[in-house]
Amino acid sequence: MLAQRESFAKKYIIRLKSANNHTALTILVTFILFVFSWFTQRLISDCNVQFKRISFYTISSLTILIILYSMFIFIKIYNHYKSETEI
């Protein structure tokens, strides 16, 4: 019985570690996008409108991908929580 509980606890910790890794990756990519967008908005001159437009579309696309990725991770964690708390 004790070995079974220990095995369950190890699996639970590994799953939570995986969720934390996904969260850290999302935070890192979001920060990089923030720095890139700030750099583009503040430091690129207004005469280079084409570069600003391309960077805007790139940042927007990556932001949408991050939102979708975050939703996927949230659903995965929620489903895991529901399956673990069923009686």
N, C-alpha and C. Protein backbone atom coordinates (compact mmCIF):
# COMPACT_ATOMS: atom_id res chain seq x y z
N MET A 1 0.83 -1.19 0.00
CA MET A 1 0.00 0.00 0.00
C MET A 1 0.87 1.26 0.00
N LEU A 2 1.93 1.21 0.79
CA LEU A 2 2.83 2.35 0.88
C LEU A 2 3.57 2.57 -0.45
N ALA A 3 3.96 1.49 -1.09
CA ALA A 3 4.65 1.59 -2.39
C ALA A 3 3.72 2.17 -3.45
N GLN A 4 2.45 1.82 -3.38
CA GLN A 4 1.48 2.35 -4.32
C GLN A 4 1.30 3.86 -4.12
N ARG A 5 1.22 4.30 -2.90
CA ARG A 5 1.09 5.74 -2.61
C ARG A 5 2.35 6.49 -3.05
N GLU A 6 3.50 5.88 -2.82
CA GLU A 6 4.75 6.51 -3.23
C GLU A 6 4.82 6.64 -4.75
N SER A 7 4.40 5.61 -5.47
CA SER A 7 4.38 5.65 -6.92
C SER A 7 3.42 6.73 -7.42
N PHE A 8 2.25 6.83 -6.81
CA PHE A 8 1.28 7.86 -7.19
C PHE A 8 1.86 9.25 -6.95
N ALA A 9 2.51 9.45 -5.83
CA ALA A 9 3.09 10.77 -5.51
C ALA A 9 4.19 11.13 -6.51
N LYS A 10 5.01 10.17 -6.90
CA LYS A 10 6.08 10.44 -7.87
C LYS A 10 5.49 10.84 -9.23
N LYS A 11 4.48 10.12 -9.67
CA LYS A 11 3.83 10.44 -10.95
C LYS A 11 3.19 11.82 -10.90
N TYR A 12 2.57 12.14 -9.77
CA TYR A 12 1.94 13.44 -9.61
C TYR A 12 2.96 14.57 -9.67
N ILE A 13 4.09 14.38 -9.01
CA ILE A 13 5.15 15.39 -9.01
C ILE A 13 5.73 15.56 -10.41
N ILE A 14 5.92 14.48 -11.13
CA ILE A 14 6.45 14.55 -12.50
C ILE A 14 5.48 15.32 -13.40
N ARG A 15 4.19 15.08 -13.25
CA ARG A 15 3.20 15.81 -14.06
C ARG A 15 3.21 17.29 -13.73
N LEU A 16 3.29 17.62 -12.46
CA LEU A 16 3.33 19.04 -12.07
C LEU A 16 4.62 19.69 -12.53
N LYS A 17 5.71 18.96 -12.53
CA LYS A 17 6.98 19.49 -13.03
C LYS A 17 6.85 19.82 -14.52
N SER A 18 6.20 18.95 -15.25
CA SER A 18 5.98 19.19 -16.67
C SER A 18 5.13 20.45 -16.89
N ALA A 19 4.10 20.61 -16.09
CA ALA A 19 3.25 21.82 -16.20
C ALA A 19 4.06 23.07 -15.87
N ASN A 20 4.92 23.00 -14.88
CA ASN A 20 5.77 24.14 -14.53
C ASN A 20 6.74 24.47 -15.66
N ASN A 21 7.28 23.45 -16.31
CA ASN A 21 8.18 23.69 -17.44
C ASN A 21 7.46 24.39 -18.59
N HIS A 22 6.23 23.96 -18.87
CA HIS A 22 5.44 24.60 -19.92
C HIS A 22 5.14 26.06 -19.55
N THR A 23 4.83 26.29 -18.30
CA THR A 23 4.55 27.65 -17.84
C THR A 23 5.79 28.53 -17.94
N ALA A 24 6.93 28.02 -17.55
CA ALA A 24 8.18 28.79 -17.65
C ALA A 24 8.50 29.11 -19.11
N LEU A 25 8.29 28.16 -19.99
CA LEU A 25 8.53 28.40 -21.42
C LEU A 25 7.60 29.48 -21.95
N THR A 26 6.35 29.44 -21.57
CA THR A 26 5.38 30.45 -22.00
C THR A 26 5.78 31.83 -21.49
N ILE A 27 6.20 31.92 -20.25
CA ILE A 27 6.63 33.21 -19.69
C ILE A 27 7.86 33.73 -20.42
N LEU A 28 8.81 32.87 -20.70
CA LEU A 28 10.03 33.29 -21.40
C LEU A 28 9.72 33.80 -22.81
N VAL A 29 8.92 33.07 -23.55
CA VAL A 29 8.58 33.49 -24.92
C VAL A 29 7.78 34.79 -24.89
N THR A 30 6.88 34.93 -23.95
CA THR A 30 6.11 36.16 -23.83
C THR A 30 7.01 37.35 -23.52
N PHE A 31 7.98 37.16 -22.66
CA PHE A 31 8.92 38.24 -22.34
C PHE A 31 9.75 38.62 -23.56
N ILE A 32 10.19 37.63 -24.31
CA ILE A 32 10.97 37.92 -25.52
C ILE A 32 10.12 38.69 -26.52
N LEU A 33 8.86 38.31 -26.67
CA LEU A 33 7.95 39.05 -27.55
C LEU A 33 7.75 40.48 -27.06
N PHE A 34 7.65 40.65 -25.76
CA PHE A 34 7.50 41.99 -25.20
C PHE A 34 8.72 42.85 -25.53
N VAL A 35 9.91 42.32 -25.31
CA VAL A 35 11.13 43.08 -25.59
C VAL A 35 11.23 43.41 -27.07
N PHE A 36 10.93 42.45 -27.93
CA PHE A 36 10.99 42.69 -29.36
C PHE A 36 9.98 43.74 -29.80
N SER A 37 8.76 43.68 -29.27
CA SER A 37 7.75 44.67 -29.65
C SER A 37 8.11 46.05 -29.12
N TRP A 38 8.66 46.12 -27.91
CA TRP A 38 9.09 47.41 -27.37
C TRP A 38 10.21 47.99 -28.22
N PHE A 39 11.17 47.14 -28.58
CA PHE A 39 12.29 47.57 -29.42
C PHE A 39 11.78 48.08 -30.77
N THR A 40 10.86 47.36 -31.36
CA THR A 40 10.32 47.74 -32.66
C THR A 40 9.56 49.06 -32.56
N GLN A 41 8.76 49.20 -31.53
CA GLN A 41 7.93 50.40 -31.40
C GLN A 41 8.76 51.64 -31.05
N ARG A 42 9.76 51.51 -30.22
CA ARG A 42 10.48 52.67 -29.71
C ARG A 42 11.74 53.03 -30.51
N LEU A 43 12.45 52.03 -30.99
CA LEU A 43 13.77 52.30 -31.53
C LEU A 43 13.85 52.29 -33.06
N ILE A 44 12.87 51.73 -33.71
CA ILE A 44 12.87 51.73 -35.17
C ILE A 44 12.22 53.02 -35.64
N SER A 45 12.86 53.69 -36.56
CA SER A 45 12.35 54.99 -37.02
C SER A 45 11.04 54.82 -37.79
N ASP A 46 10.28 55.91 -37.86
CA ASP A 46 9.00 55.88 -38.55
C ASP A 46 9.15 55.78 -40.06
N CYS A 47 10.32 56.06 -40.60
CA CYS A 47 10.50 55.96 -42.04
C CYS A 47 10.54 54.50 -42.52
N ASN A 48 10.78 53.58 -41.60
CA ASN A 48 10.84 52.16 -41.95
C ASN A 48 9.50 51.50 -41.59
N VAL A 49 8.46 51.92 -42.26
CA VAL A 49 7.11 51.46 -41.95
C VAL A 49 6.93 49.99 -42.33
N GLN A 50 7.54 49.56 -43.40
CA GLN A 50 7.40 48.17 -43.85
C GLN A 50 7.92 47.20 -42.80
N PHE A 51 9.07 47.50 -42.20
CA PHE A 51 9.62 46.63 -41.16
C PHE A 51 8.68 46.59 -39.96
N LYS A 52 8.12 47.74 -39.59
CA LYS A 52 7.20 47.78 -38.46
C LYS A 52 5.95 46.96 -38.74
N ARG A 53 5.45 47.01 -39.95
CA ARG A 53 4.26 46.25 -40.31
C ARG A 53 4.54 44.75 -40.25
N ILE A 54 5.67 44.34 -40.79
CA ILE A 54 6.03 42.92 -40.75
C ILE A 54 6.23 42.45 -39.31
N SER A 55 6.89 43.24 -38.50
CA SER A 55 7.11 42.86 -37.11
C SER A 55 5.79 42.81 -36.34
N PHE A 56 4.87 43.74 -36.67
CA PHE A 56 3.56 43.71 -36.02
C PHE A 56 2.83 42.41 -36.33
N TYR A 57 2.81 41.99 -37.58
CA TYR A 57 2.14 40.75 -37.95
C TYR A 57 2.83 39.53 -37.34
N THR A 58 4.13 39.57 -37.27
CA THR A 58 4.87 38.47 -36.66
C THR A 58 4.55 38.36 -35.18
N ILE A 59 4.60 39.49 -34.47
CA ILE A 59 4.31 39.49 -33.04
C ILE A 59 2.87 39.08 -32.78
N SER A 60 1.95 39.55 -33.60
CA SER A 60 0.54 39.18 -33.44
C SER A 60 0.34 37.68 -33.64
N SER A 61 0.96 37.14 -34.65
CA SER A 61 0.83 35.70 -34.92
C SER A 61 1.42 34.87 -33.78
N LEU A 62 2.58 35.26 -33.30
CA LEU A 62 3.20 34.51 -32.20
C LEU A 62 2.39 34.64 -30.91
N THR A 63 1.79 35.79 -30.70
CA THR A 63 0.95 35.97 -29.52
C THR A 63 -0.28 35.07 -29.58
N ILE A 64 -0.88 34.96 -30.75
CA ILE A 64 -2.03 34.06 -30.91
C ILE A 64 -1.61 32.62 -30.67
N LEU A 65 -0.44 32.24 -31.16
CA LEU A 65 0.06 30.88 -30.91
C LEU A 65 0.29 30.64 -29.42
N ILE A 66 0.82 31.63 -28.71
CA ILE A 66 1.04 31.48 -27.28
C ILE A 66 -0.28 31.33 -26.54
N ILE A 67 -1.28 32.09 -26.95
CA ILE A 67 -2.61 31.98 -26.33
C ILE A 67 -3.18 30.58 -26.55
N LEU A 68 -3.08 30.08 -27.77
CA LEU A 68 -3.58 28.73 -28.07
C LEU A 68 -2.81 27.67 -27.28
N TYR A 69 -1.50 27.83 -27.19
CA TYR A 69 -0.66 26.90 -26.43
C TYR A 69 -1.05 26.93 -24.95
N SER A 70 -1.28 28.11 -24.41
CA SER A 70 -1.67 28.24 -23.01
C SER A 70 -3.03 27.60 -22.77
N MET A 71 -3.95 27.78 -23.70
CA MET A 71 -5.26 27.15 -23.56
C MET A 71 -5.14 25.63 -23.60
N PHE A 72 -4.29 25.12 -24.48
CA PHE A 72 -4.07 23.68 -24.57
C PHE A 72 -3.51 23.13 -23.25
N ILE A 73 -2.53 23.81 -22.70
CA ILE A 73 -1.94 23.37 -21.43
C ILE A 73 -2.97 23.45 -20.30
N PHE A 74 -3.77 24.52 -20.28
CA PHE A 74 -4.80 24.66 -19.26
C PHE A 74 -5.81 23.52 -19.34
N ILE A 75 -6.26 23.20 -20.53
CA ILE A 75 -7.22 22.11 -20.71
C ILE A 75 -6.61 20.78 -20.28
N LYS A 76 -5.36 20.58 -20.62
CA LYS A 76 -4.67 19.35 -20.24
C LYS A 76 -4.58 19.22 -18.71
N ILE A 77 -4.22 20.30 -18.05
CA ILE A 77 -4.11 20.28 -16.58
C ILE A 77 -5.49 20.11 -15.95
N TYR A 78 -6.49 20.78 -16.51
CA TYR A 78 -7.85 20.66 -15.96
C TYR A 78 -8.37 19.23 -16.10
N ASN A 79 -8.17 18.62 -17.25
CA ASN A 79 -8.61 17.23 -17.44
C ASN A 79 -7.88 16.29 -16.49
N HIS A 80 -6.61 16.53 -16.29
CA HIS A 80 -5.84 15.71 -15.34
C HIS A 80 -6.40 15.89 -13.93
N TYR A 81 -6.69 17.13 -13.57
CA TYR A 81 -7.25 17.39 -12.23
C TYR A 81 -8.59 16.68 -12.06
N LYS A 82 -9.45 16.76 -13.09
CA LYS A 82 -10.75 16.09 -12.99
C LYS A 82 -10.59 14.59 -12.85
N SER A 83 -9.66 14.01 -13.58
CA SER A 83 -9.48 12.54 -13.50
C SER A 83 -8.88 12.13 -12.17
N GLU A 84 -8.06 12.98 -11.57
CA GLU A 84 -7.44 12.64 -10.29
C GLU A 84 -8.39 12.82 -9.12
N THR A 85 -9.36 13.71 -9.25
CA THR A 85 -10.25 13.99 -8.12
C THR A 85 -11.57 13.22 -8.18
N GLU A 86 -11.74 12.37 -9.20
CA GLU A 86 -12.96 11.56 -9.28
C GLU A 86 -12.97 10.55 -8.15
N ILE A 87 -14.16 10.33 -7.64
CA ILE A 87 -14.31 9.35 -6.56
C ILE A 87 -15.00 8.12 -7.11
